[in-house]
Amino acid sequence: MPKYIIEAMPASLSSEVVGLLEQTETATVGHWRHWGFVDRGIQGLLRRRVAGTAVTVQIPGADSTLLHHALGLLRPGDVLVVDRLGDDRHACWGGGVTVAAKAAGAKAGVVDGACTDIEEVEGSDFPLWCRGLAPITTRVYDLGGRMNVPVAIGGVVVNPGDAVLCDESGVLVMPPEEAEAEARAAIARQERGLAVQARCAKGEKLGDISGATAKVLAGLV
């Protein structure tokens, strides 16, 4: 087996689909969808909503050799998704990786593990999701790795080319062929939700609007 496997870069999502996703809240999709949501321990260091095309990397333990190489292959609109193969001790992503990813035009990074250099990440204004911060970093040990293969991120299988939506509530991964329909359904639901909020602000009761109060009263008989 070769030490490194690098498959072809995936097809990019269309700008239309990305635009729809960036109007979509992950929590709205969570009203009906039960799969594709990464473990909630993976949270944003810079909290905003971004969407893009998954480019996947697997790197072991204390090594970040392939990650450094992958940064040179990124394209505008990509979200670099890093499978740490269970390592939670070594921070593979810091200030240098952030600057390189942003210079390549990447939309965000998602790391199933630790990151570091929070001040530099904030200073670069680059959206990054991870499992928290750590002071011990990876190094260029040349241990091997895989790029643009299916990976596991927070209990979710991520395929290269998947649609990745990241916001304040977490990270959602979807097959690209499902992204547009889910985004449009979410946007419509969000509009209905705003209308309900307006009614509540004017004095209507949420339980009356949702039907919850009628169910409770019926259950008391």
N, C-alpha and C. Protein backbone atom coordinates (compact mmCIF):
# COMPACT_ATOMS: atom_id res chain seq x y z
N MET A 1 0.83 -1.20 0.00
CA MET A 1 0.00 0.00 0.00
C MET A 1 0.87 1.25 0.00
N PRO A 2 0.52 2.24 -0.80
CA PRO A 2 1.28 3.50 -0.76
C PRO A 2 1.07 4.22 0.57
N LYS A 3 2.04 5.01 0.95
CA LYS A 3 1.93 5.78 2.20
C LYS A 3 0.82 6.82 2.10
N TYR A 4 0.70 7.42 0.92
CA TYR A 4 -0.32 8.44 0.71
C TYR A 4 -1.24 8.03 -0.43
N ILE A 5 -2.53 8.32 -0.27
CA ILE A 5 -3.52 8.17 -1.33
C ILE A 5 -4.20 9.51 -1.52
N ILE A 6 -4.15 10.02 -2.73
CA ILE A 6 -4.80 11.30 -3.05
C ILE A 6 -5.68 11.09 -4.27
N GLU A 7 -6.98 11.14 -4.07
CA GLU A 7 -7.93 10.99 -5.16
C GLU A 7 -8.21 12.36 -5.80
N ALA A 8 -8.93 12.33 -6.93
CA ALA A 8 -9.22 13.56 -7.66
C ALA A 8 -10.08 14.51 -6.83
N MET A 9 -9.91 15.80 -7.06
CA MET A 9 -10.74 16.79 -6.39
C MET A 9 -12.19 16.63 -6.83
N PRO A 10 -13.13 16.76 -5.90
CA PRO A 10 -14.54 16.55 -6.25
C PRO A 10 -15.11 17.73 -7.02
N ALA A 11 -16.25 17.48 -7.68
CA ALA A 11 -16.98 18.57 -8.34
C ALA A 11 -17.46 19.57 -7.29
N SER A 12 -17.39 20.84 -7.62
CA SER A 12 -17.81 21.89 -6.69
C SER A 12 -19.31 22.11 -6.76
N LEU A 13 -19.90 22.46 -5.63
CA LEU A 13 -21.30 22.85 -5.61
C LEU A 13 -21.50 24.12 -6.43
N SER A 14 -22.68 24.27 -7.01
CA SER A 14 -22.97 25.48 -7.75
C SER A 14 -23.11 26.67 -6.80
N SER A 15 -22.87 27.85 -7.33
CA SER A 15 -23.02 29.06 -6.51
C SER A 15 -24.46 29.23 -6.05
N GLU A 16 -25.42 28.77 -6.86
CA GLU A 16 -26.83 28.87 -6.48
C GLU A 16 -27.12 28.02 -5.24
N VAL A 17 -26.63 26.78 -5.24
CA VAL A 17 -26.86 25.90 -4.09
C VAL A 17 -26.16 26.43 -2.85
N VAL A 18 -24.94 26.91 -2.99
CA VAL A 18 -24.22 27.48 -1.85
C VAL A 18 -24.99 28.68 -1.30
N GLY A 19 -25.51 29.53 -2.19
CA GLY A 19 -26.28 30.68 -1.74
C GLY A 19 -27.53 30.29 -0.97
N LEU A 20 -28.21 29.24 -1.42
CA LEU A 20 -29.39 28.75 -0.70
C LEU A 20 -29.00 28.19 0.66
N LEU A 21 -27.93 27.41 0.69
CA LEU A 21 -27.49 26.83 1.96
C LEU A 21 -27.13 27.91 2.97
N GLU A 22 -26.54 28.99 2.49
CA GLU A 22 -26.12 30.04 3.43
C GLU A 22 -27.29 30.90 3.90
N GLN A 23 -28.50 30.60 3.41
CA GLN A 23 -29.71 31.17 3.99
C GLN A 23 -30.41 30.19 4.93
N THR A 24 -29.79 29.02 5.10
CA THR A 24 -30.41 27.90 5.82
C THR A 24 -29.77 27.73 7.20
N GLU A 25 -30.60 27.57 8.21
CA GLU A 25 -30.11 27.26 9.55
C GLU A 25 -30.05 25.74 9.72
N THR A 26 -28.93 25.25 10.27
CA THR A 26 -28.85 23.81 10.51
C THR A 26 -29.99 23.34 11.40
N ALA A 27 -30.36 24.16 12.37
CA ALA A 27 -31.42 23.77 13.31
C ALA A 27 -32.78 23.69 12.64
N THR A 28 -32.97 24.42 11.55
CA THR A 28 -34.22 24.30 10.81
C THR A 28 -34.30 22.93 10.14
N VAL A 29 -33.22 22.53 9.48
CA VAL A 29 -33.19 21.20 8.86
C VAL A 29 -33.36 20.11 9.92
N GLY A 30 -32.87 20.39 11.12
CA GLY A 30 -32.99 19.45 12.22
C GLY A 30 -34.40 19.20 12.69
N HIS A 31 -35.38 19.98 12.17
CA HIS A 31 -36.78 19.72 12.50
C HIS A 31 -37.29 18.44 11.84
N TRP A 32 -36.66 18.04 10.73
CA TRP A 32 -37.16 16.84 10.05
C TRP A 32 -36.07 15.84 9.67
N ARG A 33 -34.84 16.28 9.59
CA ARG A 33 -33.77 15.38 9.15
C ARG A 33 -33.01 14.86 10.37
N HIS A 34 -32.64 13.60 10.37
CA HIS A 34 -31.99 12.99 11.53
C HIS A 34 -30.57 12.52 11.24
N TRP A 35 -30.09 12.71 10.04
CA TRP A 35 -28.77 12.19 9.67
C TRP A 35 -27.95 13.31 9.04
N GLY A 36 -26.64 13.17 9.15
CA GLY A 36 -25.75 14.16 8.57
C GLY A 36 -25.27 15.22 9.53
N PHE A 37 -25.79 15.23 10.75
CA PHE A 37 -25.38 16.22 11.74
C PHE A 37 -24.19 15.67 12.54
N VAL A 38 -23.08 16.36 12.52
CA VAL A 38 -21.90 15.86 13.23
C VAL A 38 -22.10 16.02 14.73
N ASP A 39 -21.34 15.28 15.50
CA ASP A 39 -21.41 15.34 16.95
C ASP A 39 -21.35 16.79 17.44
N ARG A 40 -22.20 17.14 18.39
CA ARG A 40 -22.29 18.54 18.83
C ARG A 40 -21.05 19.02 19.58
N GLY A 41 -20.11 18.09 19.86
CA GLY A 41 -18.84 18.51 20.44
C GLY A 41 -17.98 19.28 19.46
N ILE A 42 -18.30 19.19 18.19
CA ILE A 42 -17.58 19.97 17.16
C ILE A 42 -18.31 21.29 17.01
N GLN A 43 -17.70 22.35 17.51
CA GLN A 43 -18.33 23.67 17.56
C GLN A 43 -17.45 24.72 16.89
N GLY A 44 -18.08 25.81 16.49
CA GLY A 44 -17.37 26.86 15.79
C GLY A 44 -16.55 27.75 16.72
N LEU A 45 -15.31 28.03 16.31
CA LEU A 45 -14.51 29.02 17.03
C LEU A 45 -14.91 30.43 16.61
N LEU A 46 -15.22 30.60 15.33
CA LEU A 46 -15.81 31.84 14.84
C LEU A 46 -17.22 31.50 14.40
N ARG A 47 -18.22 32.05 15.06
CA ARG A 47 -19.59 31.61 14.85
C ARG A 47 -20.26 32.43 13.75
N ARG A 48 -20.46 31.78 12.62
CA ARG A 48 -21.16 32.37 11.49
C ARG A 48 -21.65 31.24 10.62
N ARG A 49 -22.40 31.56 9.57
CA ARG A 49 -22.92 30.52 8.70
C ARG A 49 -22.17 30.52 7.38
N VAL A 50 -21.62 29.36 7.02
CA VAL A 50 -20.93 29.20 5.75
C VAL A 50 -21.29 27.84 5.16
N ALA A 51 -21.19 27.74 3.84
CA ALA A 51 -21.45 26.47 3.17
C ALA A 51 -20.45 26.32 2.04
N GLY A 52 -20.15 25.07 1.71
CA GLY A 52 -19.22 24.82 0.63
C GLY A 52 -19.10 23.34 0.33
N THR A 53 -18.12 23.02 -0.50
CA THR A 53 -17.89 21.67 -0.99
C THR A 53 -16.86 20.95 -0.12
N ALA A 54 -17.19 19.75 0.33
CA ALA A 54 -16.29 19.00 1.19
C ALA A 54 -15.07 18.49 0.43
N VAL A 55 -13.90 18.83 0.94
CA VAL A 55 -12.63 18.21 0.54
C VAL A 55 -12.12 17.50 1.78
N THR A 56 -11.87 16.20 1.70
CA THR A 56 -11.61 15.40 2.89
C THR A 56 -10.13 15.01 3.02
N VAL A 57 -9.70 14.96 4.27
CA VAL A 57 -8.33 14.54 4.59
C VAL A 57 -8.36 13.65 5.83
N GLN A 58 -7.57 12.57 5.82
CA GLN A 58 -7.33 11.76 7.01
C GLN A 58 -5.86 11.84 7.37
N ILE A 59 -5.56 12.24 8.60
CA ILE A 59 -4.17 12.28 9.05
C ILE A 59 -4.05 11.65 10.44
N PRO A 60 -2.98 10.91 10.70
CA PRO A 60 -2.86 10.18 11.95
C PRO A 60 -2.12 10.96 13.04
N GLY A 61 -2.59 10.82 14.26
CA GLY A 61 -1.87 11.25 15.45
C GLY A 61 -1.19 12.59 15.39
N ALA A 62 0.12 12.55 15.52
CA ALA A 62 0.91 13.79 15.63
C ALA A 62 1.39 14.31 14.30
N ASP A 63 0.90 13.75 13.20
CA ASP A 63 1.44 14.10 11.88
C ASP A 63 0.47 14.98 11.08
N SER A 64 1.00 16.02 10.44
CA SER A 64 0.18 16.89 9.59
C SER A 64 0.79 17.07 8.20
N THR A 65 1.61 16.12 7.77
CA THR A 65 2.27 16.24 6.47
C THR A 65 1.25 16.40 5.34
N LEU A 66 0.26 15.50 5.27
CA LEU A 66 -0.71 15.56 4.18
C LEU A 66 -1.59 16.80 4.28
N LEU A 67 -1.89 17.24 5.48
CA LEU A 67 -2.68 18.45 5.63
C LEU A 67 -1.98 19.64 4.99
N HIS A 68 -0.69 19.77 5.23
CA HIS A 68 0.06 20.87 4.63
C HIS A 68 0.02 20.79 3.11
N HIS A 69 0.17 19.57 2.58
CA HIS A 69 0.11 19.40 1.13
C HIS A 69 -1.28 19.73 0.59
N ALA A 70 -2.32 19.30 1.31
CA ALA A 70 -3.70 19.50 0.85
C ALA A 70 -4.04 20.98 0.72
N LEU A 71 -3.46 21.80 1.55
CA LEU A 71 -3.75 23.24 1.49
C LEU A 71 -3.39 23.82 0.14
N GLY A 72 -2.41 23.25 -0.53
CA GLY A 72 -2.02 23.72 -1.85
C GLY A 72 -2.95 23.27 -2.96
N LEU A 73 -3.89 22.38 -2.66
CA LEU A 73 -4.83 21.87 -3.66
C LEU A 73 -6.23 22.47 -3.51
N LEU A 74 -6.45 23.20 -2.43
CA LEU A 74 -7.78 23.76 -2.18
C LEU A 74 -8.16 24.79 -3.23
N ARG A 75 -9.48 24.90 -3.45
CA ARG A 75 -10.04 25.84 -4.41
C ARG A 75 -11.01 26.77 -3.70
N PRO A 76 -11.30 27.92 -4.29
CA PRO A 76 -12.33 28.80 -3.71
C PRO A 76 -13.65 28.04 -3.55
N GLY A 77 -14.25 28.16 -2.37
CA GLY A 77 -15.52 27.50 -2.09
C GLY A 77 -15.42 26.18 -1.38
N ASP A 78 -14.20 25.65 -1.22
CA ASP A 78 -14.04 24.37 -0.53
C ASP A 78 -14.15 24.51 0.98
N VAL A 79 -14.61 23.45 1.62
CA VAL A 79 -14.55 23.32 3.08
C VAL A 79 -13.64 22.13 3.36
N LEU A 80 -12.52 22.37 4.01
CA LEU A 80 -11.57 21.29 4.29
C LEU A 80 -12.00 20.56 5.56
N VAL A 81 -12.28 19.26 5.41
CA VAL A 81 -12.80 18.42 6.48
C VAL A 81 -11.70 17.44 6.88
N VAL A 82 -11.30 17.48 8.15
CA VAL A 82 -10.12 16.73 8.59
C VAL A 82 -10.51 15.66 9.60
N ASP A 83 -10.33 14.40 9.20
CA ASP A 83 -10.55 13.25 10.07
C ASP A 83 -9.24 12.97 10.80
N ARG A 84 -9.25 13.08 12.13
CA ARG A 84 -8.05 12.90 12.93
C ARG A 84 -7.86 11.47 13.40
N LEU A 85 -8.70 10.57 12.89
CA LEU A 85 -8.55 9.14 13.20
C LEU A 85 -8.51 8.88 14.70
N GLY A 86 -9.33 9.62 15.42
CA GLY A 86 -9.47 9.43 16.85
C GLY A 86 -8.54 10.24 17.73
N ASP A 87 -7.57 10.92 17.16
CA ASP A 87 -6.62 11.70 17.98
C ASP A 87 -7.29 12.97 18.50
N ASP A 88 -7.20 13.18 19.80
CA ASP A 88 -7.77 14.38 20.42
C ASP A 88 -6.72 15.15 21.22
N ARG A 89 -5.45 14.78 21.06
CA ARG A 89 -4.37 15.39 21.85
C ARG A 89 -3.60 16.44 21.05
N HIS A 90 -3.40 16.20 19.77
CA HIS A 90 -2.54 17.06 18.96
C HIS A 90 -3.38 18.00 18.10
N ALA A 91 -3.07 19.27 18.15
CA ALA A 91 -3.77 20.27 17.34
C ALA A 91 -3.12 20.32 15.96
N CYS A 92 -3.88 19.95 14.94
CA CYS A 92 -3.33 19.94 13.58
C CYS A 92 -3.53 21.27 12.88
N TRP A 93 -4.41 22.10 13.42
CA TRP A 93 -4.78 23.35 12.72
C TRP A 93 -4.49 24.53 13.63
N GLY A 94 -3.68 25.45 13.14
CA GLY A 94 -3.36 26.67 13.88
C GLY A 94 -3.30 27.86 12.96
N GLY A 95 -2.48 28.85 13.33
CA GLY A 95 -2.43 30.09 12.58
C GLY A 95 -1.92 29.92 11.17
N GLY A 96 -0.86 29.14 10.99
CA GLY A 96 -0.30 28.95 9.66
C GLY A 96 -1.25 28.26 8.71
N VAL A 97 -1.90 27.19 9.17
CA VAL A 97 -2.87 26.48 8.34
C VAL A 97 -4.04 27.40 8.00
N THR A 98 -4.46 28.20 8.96
CA THR A 98 -5.57 29.13 8.72
C THR A 98 -5.25 30.10 7.60
N VAL A 99 -4.08 30.70 7.67
CA VAL A 99 -3.70 31.67 6.64
C VAL A 99 -3.63 31.02 5.27
N ALA A 100 -3.06 29.80 5.20
CA ALA A 100 -2.95 29.10 3.93
C ALA A 100 -4.31 28.73 3.37
N ALA A 101 -5.21 28.26 4.23
CA ALA A 101 -6.55 27.88 3.78
C ALA A 101 -7.32 29.09 3.26
N LYS A 102 -7.21 30.19 3.99
CA LYS A 102 -7.92 31.40 3.56
C LYS A 102 -7.34 31.93 2.25
N ALA A 103 -6.03 31.89 2.10
CA ALA A 103 -5.40 32.37 0.87
C ALA A 103 -5.84 31.55 -0.34
N ALA A 104 -6.14 30.27 -0.12
CA ALA A 104 -6.60 29.40 -1.21
C ALA A 104 -8.05 29.65 -1.57
N GLY A 105 -8.77 30.40 -0.75
CA GLY A 105 -10.17 30.67 -1.00
C GLY A 105 -11.13 29.73 -0.31
N ALA A 106 -10.62 28.88 0.58
CA ALA A 106 -11.49 27.96 1.31
C ALA A 106 -12.52 28.73 2.13
N LYS A 107 -13.70 28.13 2.27
CA LYS A 107 -14.77 28.77 3.02
C LYS A 107 -14.63 28.53 4.52
N ALA A 108 -14.10 27.35 4.92
CA ALA A 108 -14.06 27.00 6.34
C ALA A 108 -13.23 25.73 6.51
N GLY A 109 -12.94 25.42 7.77
CA GLY A 109 -12.33 24.17 8.14
C GLY A 109 -13.18 23.47 9.18
N VAL A 110 -13.25 22.14 9.09
CA VAL A 110 -13.95 21.34 10.09
C VAL A 110 -13.00 20.23 10.52
N VAL A 111 -12.65 20.20 11.78
CA VAL A 111 -11.65 19.27 12.29
C VAL A 111 -12.27 18.41 13.40
N ASP A 112 -12.23 17.10 13.23
CA ASP A 112 -12.71 16.21 14.28
C ASP A 112 -11.56 15.97 15.26
N GLY A 113 -11.21 17.02 15.96
CA GLY A 113 -10.08 17.01 16.88
C GLY A 113 -9.79 18.43 17.32
N ALA A 114 -8.61 18.61 17.88
CA ALA A 114 -8.25 19.90 18.48
C ALA A 114 -7.59 20.84 17.47
N CYS A 115 -7.71 22.13 17.75
CA CYS A 115 -7.02 23.18 17.02
C CYS A 115 -6.26 24.05 18.02
N THR A 116 -5.55 25.04 17.51
CA THR A 116 -4.79 25.92 18.40
C THR A 116 -4.70 27.31 17.77
N ASP A 117 -3.98 28.21 18.43
CA ASP A 117 -3.75 29.58 17.92
C ASP A 117 -5.05 30.33 17.71
N ILE A 118 -5.91 30.36 18.72
CA ILE A 118 -7.21 30.98 18.57
C ILE A 118 -7.10 32.46 18.20
N GLU A 119 -6.10 33.16 18.73
CA GLU A 119 -5.96 34.58 18.40
C GLU A 119 -5.67 34.77 16.92
N GLU A 120 -4.85 33.88 16.35
CA GLU A 120 -4.52 33.99 14.93
C GLU A 120 -5.70 33.59 14.06
N VAL A 121 -6.47 32.61 14.50
CA VAL A 121 -7.68 32.24 13.77
C VAL A 121 -8.66 33.41 13.75
N GLU A 122 -8.85 34.02 14.91
CA GLU A 122 -9.74 35.17 14.98
C GLU A 122 -9.20 36.34 14.15
N GLY A 123 -7.89 36.55 14.22
CA GLY A 123 -7.29 37.64 13.46
C GLY A 123 -7.42 37.45 11.97
N SER A 124 -7.43 36.19 11.53
CA SER A 124 -7.59 35.89 10.10
C SER A 124 -9.05 35.93 9.67
N ASP A 125 -9.96 35.99 10.65
CA ASP A 125 -11.40 36.02 10.36
C ASP A 125 -11.80 34.83 9.49
N PHE A 126 -11.33 33.65 9.91
CA PHE A 126 -11.58 32.44 9.14
C PHE A 126 -12.47 31.48 9.94
N PRO A 127 -13.60 31.06 9.39
CA PRO A 127 -14.51 30.17 10.13
C PRO A 127 -13.88 28.79 10.32
N LEU A 128 -13.91 28.31 11.56
CA LEU A 128 -13.29 27.03 11.89
C LEU A 128 -14.10 26.32 12.95
N TRP A 129 -14.41 25.04 12.70
CA TRP A 129 -15.14 24.20 13.65
C TRP A 129 -14.22 23.07 14.10
N CYS A 130 -14.22 22.78 15.42
CA CYS A 130 -13.33 21.75 15.95
C CYS A 130 -13.84 21.31 17.32
N ARG A 131 -13.08 20.44 17.98
CA ARG A 131 -13.46 19.94 19.30
C ARG A 131 -12.80 20.71 20.44
N GLY A 132 -12.32 21.88 20.17
CA GLY A 132 -11.70 22.68 21.22
C GLY A 132 -10.24 22.95 20.92
N LEU A 133 -9.55 23.48 21.93
CA LEU A 133 -8.17 23.93 21.76
C LEU A 133 -7.19 23.04 22.50
N ALA A 134 -5.97 22.95 21.97
CA ALA A 134 -4.91 22.17 22.60
C ALA A 134 -3.57 22.84 22.32
N PRO A 135 -2.61 22.75 23.25
CA PRO A 135 -1.32 23.38 23.04
C PRO A 135 -0.28 22.51 22.33
N ILE A 136 -0.52 21.21 22.25
CA ILE A 136 0.45 20.31 21.63
C ILE A 136 0.11 20.18 20.15
N THR A 137 1.05 20.48 19.27
CA THR A 137 0.75 20.53 17.85
C THR A 137 1.27 19.30 17.10
N THR A 138 0.73 19.12 15.91
CA THR A 138 1.25 18.10 14.99
C THR A 138 2.54 18.61 14.34
N ARG A 139 3.25 17.69 13.69
CA ARG A 139 4.49 18.04 13.00
C ARG A 139 4.56 17.29 11.68
N VAL A 140 5.52 17.64 10.86
CA VAL A 140 5.67 17.00 9.54
C VAL A 140 6.51 15.73 9.71
N TYR A 141 5.86 14.66 10.18
CA TYR A 141 6.53 13.39 10.46
C TYR A 141 6.48 12.41 9.29
N ASP A 142 5.69 12.71 8.24
CA ASP A 142 5.63 11.86 7.05
C ASP A 142 5.12 10.46 7.38
N LEU A 143 4.04 10.40 8.16
CA LEU A 143 3.47 9.11 8.54
C LEU A 143 2.46 8.58 7.54
N GLY A 144 2.00 9.41 6.62
CA GLY A 144 1.02 8.98 5.62
C GLY A 144 -0.34 9.60 5.84
N GLY A 145 -1.23 9.32 4.92
CA GLY A 145 -2.58 9.85 5.03
C GLY A 145 -3.37 9.62 3.76
N ARG A 146 -4.63 10.04 3.79
CA ARG A 146 -5.55 9.86 2.67
C ARG A 146 -6.26 11.19 2.41
N MET A 147 -6.49 11.49 1.11
CA MET A 147 -7.19 12.72 0.74
C MET A 147 -8.25 12.41 -0.30
N ASN A 148 -9.40 13.05 -0.13
CA ASN A 148 -10.55 12.87 -1.02
C ASN A 148 -11.01 11.43 -1.07
N VAL A 149 -11.10 10.84 0.12
CA VAL A 149 -11.73 9.54 0.33
C VAL A 149 -12.83 9.74 1.37
N PRO A 150 -13.78 8.83 1.52
CA PRO A 150 -14.76 8.95 2.60
C PRO A 150 -14.08 8.96 3.96
N VAL A 151 -14.52 9.89 4.83
CA VAL A 151 -13.94 10.01 6.16
C VAL A 151 -15.07 10.03 7.19
N ALA A 152 -14.68 9.93 8.46
CA ALA A 152 -15.65 9.98 9.56
C ALA A 152 -15.41 11.26 10.37
N ILE A 153 -16.43 12.09 10.47
CA ILE A 153 -16.34 13.34 11.21
C ILE A 153 -17.50 13.40 12.20
N GLY A 154 -17.20 13.30 13.46
CA GLY A 154 -18.25 13.40 14.48
C GLY A 154 -19.38 12.41 14.27
N GLY A 155 -19.03 11.17 13.90
CA GLY A 155 -20.05 10.14 13.73
C GLY A 155 -20.76 10.16 12.39
N VAL A 156 -20.31 11.02 11.48
CA VAL A 156 -20.94 11.15 10.15
C VAL A 156 -19.93 10.79 9.08
N VAL A 157 -20.34 10.00 8.11
CA VAL A 157 -19.50 9.73 6.95
C VAL A 157 -19.57 10.94 6.02
N VAL A 158 -18.41 11.48 5.68
CA VAL A 158 -18.34 12.62 4.76
C VAL A 158 -17.62 12.16 3.50
N ASN A 159 -18.29 12.29 2.38
CA ASN A 159 -17.69 11.96 1.09
C ASN A 159 -17.18 13.23 0.43
N PRO A 160 -16.08 13.13 -0.29
CA PRO A 160 -15.62 14.31 -1.03
C PRO A 160 -16.71 14.79 -1.98
N GLY A 161 -16.94 16.09 -2.00
CA GLY A 161 -17.99 16.65 -2.83
C GLY A 161 -19.31 16.84 -2.11
N ASP A 162 -19.45 16.33 -0.89
CA ASP A 162 -20.67 16.57 -0.12
C ASP A 162 -20.86 18.05 0.15
N ALA A 163 -22.11 18.43 0.37
CA ALA A 163 -22.43 19.79 0.80
C ALA A 163 -22.22 19.89 2.30
N VAL A 164 -21.47 20.89 2.73
CA VAL A 164 -21.22 21.11 4.15
C VAL A 164 -21.80 22.46 4.54
N LEU A 165 -22.66 22.46 5.55
CA LEU A 165 -23.26 23.67 6.09
C LEU A 165 -22.86 23.80 7.55
N CYS A 166 -22.23 24.91 7.88
CA CYS A 166 -21.75 25.14 9.24
C CYS A 166 -22.36 26.43 9.77
N ASP A 167 -22.84 26.41 11.01
CA ASP A 167 -23.33 27.65 11.62
C ASP A 167 -23.17 27.58 13.13
N GLU A 168 -23.86 28.49 13.82
CA GLU A 168 -23.70 28.60 15.26
C GLU A 168 -24.16 27.36 16.01
N SER A 169 -25.03 26.57 15.40
CA SER A 169 -25.55 25.38 16.07
C SER A 169 -24.75 24.13 15.81
N GLY A 170 -23.94 24.12 14.75
CA GLY A 170 -23.14 22.93 14.46
C GLY A 170 -22.86 22.77 12.99
N VAL A 171 -22.66 21.52 12.57
CA VAL A 171 -22.25 21.20 11.20
C VAL A 171 -23.18 20.13 10.64
N LEU A 172 -23.66 20.36 9.42
CA LEU A 172 -24.53 19.43 8.72
C LEU A 172 -23.88 19.07 7.39
N VAL A 173 -23.86 17.77 7.09
CA VAL A 173 -23.29 17.27 5.84
C VAL A 173 -24.38 16.56 5.06
N MET A 174 -24.50 16.88 3.76
CA MET A 174 -25.53 16.27 2.92
C MET A 174 -24.94 15.87 1.57
N PRO A 175 -25.47 14.81 0.94
CA PRO A 175 -25.09 14.53 -0.44
C PRO A 175 -25.43 15.74 -1.31
N PRO A 176 -24.62 16.06 -2.29
CA PRO A 176 -24.87 17.27 -3.07
C PRO A 176 -26.22 17.28 -3.78
N GLU A 177 -26.71 16.10 -4.17
CA GLU A 177 -27.98 16.05 -4.89
C GLU A 177 -29.18 16.31 -3.99
N GLU A 178 -28.99 16.31 -2.67
CA GLU A 178 -30.08 16.58 -1.74
C GLU A 178 -30.06 18.01 -1.21
N ALA A 179 -28.97 18.72 -1.42
CA ALA A 179 -28.76 20.00 -0.73
C ALA A 179 -29.77 21.06 -1.15
N GLU A 180 -30.04 21.20 -2.44
CA GLU A 180 -30.92 22.28 -2.88
C GLU A 180 -32.33 22.12 -2.34
N ALA A 181 -32.89 20.92 -2.44
CA ALA A 181 -34.26 20.71 -1.96
C ALA A 181 -34.35 20.95 -0.46
N GLU A 182 -33.36 20.47 0.29
CA GLU A 182 -33.39 20.66 1.74
C GLU A 182 -33.26 22.15 2.10
N ALA A 183 -32.41 22.86 1.37
CA ALA A 183 -32.25 24.28 1.64
C ALA A 183 -33.54 25.04 1.35
N ARG A 184 -34.17 24.75 0.23
CA ARG A 184 -35.41 25.45 -0.12
C ARG A 184 -36.51 25.16 0.90
N ALA A 185 -36.60 23.92 1.35
CA ALA A 185 -37.59 23.57 2.37
C ALA A 185 -37.31 24.31 3.67
N ALA A 186 -36.04 24.43 4.03
CA ALA A 186 -35.68 25.12 5.27
C ALA A 186 -35.99 26.61 5.19
N ILE A 187 -35.67 27.22 4.07
CA ILE A 187 -35.93 28.66 3.91
C ILE A 187 -37.42 28.94 4.02
N ALA A 188 -38.25 28.10 3.40
CA ALA A 188 -39.70 28.28 3.50
C ALA A 188 -40.17 28.12 4.94
N ARG A 189 -39.60 27.14 5.65
CA ARG A 189 -40.00 26.93 7.04
C ARG A 189 -39.56 28.11 7.90
N GLN A 190 -38.39 28.65 7.64
CA GLN A 190 -37.91 29.80 8.41
C GLN A 190 -38.83 31.00 8.21
N GLU A 191 -39.34 31.18 6.99
CA GLU A 191 -40.27 32.28 6.74
C GLU A 191 -41.56 32.08 7.52
N ARG A 192 -42.05 30.85 7.56
CA ARG A 192 -43.25 30.57 8.35
C ARG A 192 -42.99 30.80 9.83
N GLY A 193 -41.78 30.44 10.27
CA GLY A 193 -41.44 30.64 11.67
C GLY A 193 -41.43 32.11 12.06
N LEU A 194 -40.95 32.96 11.18
CA LEU A 194 -40.95 34.40 11.46
C LEU A 194 -42.38 34.92 11.56
N ALA A 195 -43.27 34.39 10.72
CA ALA A 195 -44.67 34.81 10.80
C ALA A 195 -45.29 34.40 12.14
N VAL A 196 -44.95 33.20 12.61
CA VAL A 196 -45.45 32.75 13.92
C VAL A 196 -44.90 33.64 15.04
N GLN A 197 -43.62 33.98 14.96
CA GLN A 197 -43.03 34.85 15.98
C GLN A 197 -43.73 36.20 16.01
N ALA A 198 -44.08 36.72 14.85
CA ALA A 198 -44.77 38.01 14.79
C ALA A 198 -46.13 37.92 15.46
N ARG A 199 -46.82 36.81 15.25
CA ARG A 199 -48.12 36.62 15.89
C ARG A 199 -47.98 36.53 17.41
N CYS A 200 -46.95 35.82 17.87
CA CYS A 200 -46.71 35.73 19.32
C CYS A 200 -46.38 37.10 19.91
N ALA A 201 -45.60 37.87 19.17
CA ALA A 201 -45.23 39.20 19.66
C ALA A 201 -46.45 40.10 19.83
N LYS A 202 -47.51 39.82 19.06
CA LYS A 202 -48.74 40.60 19.14
C LYS A 202 -49.71 40.06 20.18
N GLY A 203 -49.30 38.97 20.87
CA GLY A 203 -50.11 38.48 21.97
C GLY A 203 -50.71 37.10 21.82
N GLU A 204 -50.66 36.52 20.62
CA GLU A 204 -51.18 35.16 20.47
C GLU A 204 -50.29 34.17 21.23
N LYS A 205 -50.89 33.07 21.67
CA LYS A 205 -50.16 32.06 22.43
C LYS A 205 -49.57 31.01 21.47
N LEU A 206 -48.32 30.66 21.70
CA LEU A 206 -47.66 29.70 20.83
C LEU A 206 -48.38 28.37 20.82
N GLY A 207 -48.87 27.95 21.98
CA GLY A 207 -49.59 26.67 22.06
C GLY A 207 -50.85 26.66 21.23
N ASP A 208 -51.51 27.82 21.13
CA ASP A 208 -52.71 27.90 20.29
C ASP A 208 -52.33 27.80 18.81
N ILE A 209 -51.26 28.46 18.43
CA ILE A 209 -50.85 28.47 17.03
C ILE A 209 -50.37 27.09 16.60
N SER A 210 -49.57 26.45 17.45
CA SER A 210 -48.97 25.16 17.07
C SER A 210 -49.93 23.99 17.22
N GLY A 211 -51.01 24.18 17.96
CA GLY A 211 -51.91 23.09 18.24
C GLY A 211 -51.60 22.33 19.50
N ALA A 212 -50.49 22.71 20.18
CA ALA A 212 -50.08 21.99 21.38
C ALA A 212 -51.11 22.13 22.50
N THR A 213 -51.69 23.33 22.66
CA THR A 213 -52.66 23.55 23.73
C THR A 213 -53.91 22.68 23.53
N ALA A 214 -54.37 22.57 22.30
CA ALA A 214 -55.54 21.72 22.04
C ALA A 214 -55.26 20.27 22.40
N LYS A 215 -54.05 19.80 22.11
CA LYS A 215 -53.69 18.43 22.45
C LYS A 215 -53.66 18.22 23.95
N VAL A 216 -53.09 19.19 24.69
CA VAL A 216 -53.03 19.07 26.14
C VAL A 216 -54.43 19.05 26.75
N LEU A 217 -55.27 19.97 26.29
CA LEU A 217 -56.65 20.04 26.84
C LEU A 217 -57.41 18.75 26.53
N ALA A 218 -57.20 18.20 25.33
CA ALA A 218 -57.88 16.95 24.99
C ALA A 218 -57.39 15.81 25.86
N GLY A 219 -56.13 15.87 26.26
CA GLY A 219 -55.56 14.82 27.09
C GLY A 219 -55.97 14.90 28.54
N LEU A 220 -56.60 15.98 28.93
CA LEU A 220 -57.06 16.14 30.30
C LEU A 220 -58.45 15.53 30.51
N VAL A 221 -59.12 15.20 29.45
CA VAL A 221 -60.49 14.67 29.56
C VAL A 221 -60.46 13.21 29.93
